[in-house]
Amino acid sequence: MESSATNNEKGFSNYISTKIYQYELQTALYMLEPWEKALFNTIMISLVGLSFLTMYQYTPVIFSKLLA
């Protein structure tokens, strides 16, 4: 029973590390220094977060104008 749980954990860990590696390759982050990666990721998370906040805030306004 333990080997199954350990195997699932390894599979999930391997999946996550593969996705991180693919993200770094797609964005060319693999060639940056750690502080540059952190800065880039902070800016990206901020932009995505602000985009979601804007959609959450203004989507009801747009729909109410369309339906009125």
Protein backbone atom coordinates (compact mmCIF):
# COMPACT_ATOMS: atom_id res chain seq x y z
CA MET A 1 0.00 0.00 0.00
CA GLU A 2 2.84 2.38 0.82
CA SER A 3 4.57 1.86 -2.52
CA SER A 4 1.40 2.94 -4.34
CA ALA A 5 1.19 6.21 -2.40
CA THR A 6 4.89 6.87 -2.88
CA ASN A 7 4.56 6.11 -6.58
CA ASN A 8 1.65 8.56 -6.92
CA GLU A 9 3.60 11.25 -5.09
CA LYS A 10 6.58 10.72 -7.36
CA GLY A 11 4.33 10.86 -10.42
CA PHE A 12 2.74 14.12 -9.27
CA SER A 13 6.11 15.61 -8.36
CA ASN A 14 7.50 14.59 -11.73
CA TYR A 15 4.46 16.11 -13.50
CA ILE A 16 4.86 19.44 -11.65
CA SER A 17 8.59 19.63 -12.31
CA THR A 18 7.97 18.88 -16.01
CA LYS A 19 5.39 21.70 -16.22
CA ILE A 20 7.78 24.14 -14.51
CA TYR A 21 10.51 23.13 -16.95
CA GLN A 22 8.17 23.64 -19.92
CA TYR A 23 7.17 27.09 -18.57
CA GLU A 24 10.81 28.09 -18.25
CA LEU A 25 11.56 26.91 -21.77
CA GLN A 26 8.55 28.67 -23.33
CA THR A 27 9.33 31.98 -21.61
CA ALA A 28 13.14 31.65 -21.93
CA LEU A 29 13.50 31.91 -18.15
CA TYR A 30 16.02 29.08 -18.00
CA MET A 31 18.83 31.45 -19.00
CA LEU A 32 18.05 34.12 -16.38
CA GLU A 33 19.50 34.45 -12.91
CA PRO A 34 17.27 33.53 -9.96
CA TRP A 35 16.51 37.15 -9.02
CA GLU A 36 15.54 37.91 -12.63
CA LYS A 37 13.23 34.88 -12.69
CA ALA A 38 11.63 36.04 -9.45
CA LEU A 39 11.14 39.57 -10.81
CA PHE A 40 9.64 38.30 -14.07
CA ASN A 41 7.32 35.87 -12.28
CA THR A 42 6.21 38.58 -9.84
CA ILE A 43 5.35 40.91 -12.71
CA MET A 44 3.48 38.13 -14.55
CA ILE A 45 1.49 37.11 -11.47
CA SER A 46 0.62 40.76 -10.85
CA LEU A 47 -0.57 41.26 -14.43
CA VAL A 48 -2.65 38.08 -14.42
CA GLY A 49 -4.11 38.95 -11.02
CA LEU A 50 -5.02 42.47 -12.09
CA SER A 51 -6.57 41.11 -15.29
CA PHE A 52 -8.79 38.71 -13.32
CA LEU A 53 -9.72 41.48 -10.91
CA THR A 54 -10.70 43.74 -13.80
CA MET A 55 -12.79 41.00 -15.41
CA TYR A 56 -14.49 40.24 -12.10
CA GLN A 57 -15.25 43.89 -11.49
CA TYR A 58 -16.40 44.98 -14.95
CA THR A 59 -18.07 41.89 -16.39
CA PRO A 60 -21.39 42.53 -14.57
CA VAL A 61 -21.35 46.15 -15.78
CA ILE A 62 -20.85 45.07 -19.39
CA PHE A 63 -23.59 42.43 -19.18
CA SER A 64 -26.03 44.84 -17.59
CA LYS A 65 -25.42 47.33 -20.39
CA LEU A 66 -25.85 44.65 -23.03
CA LEU A 67 -29.09 43.35 -21.55
CA ALA A 68 -30.62 46.77 -20.86
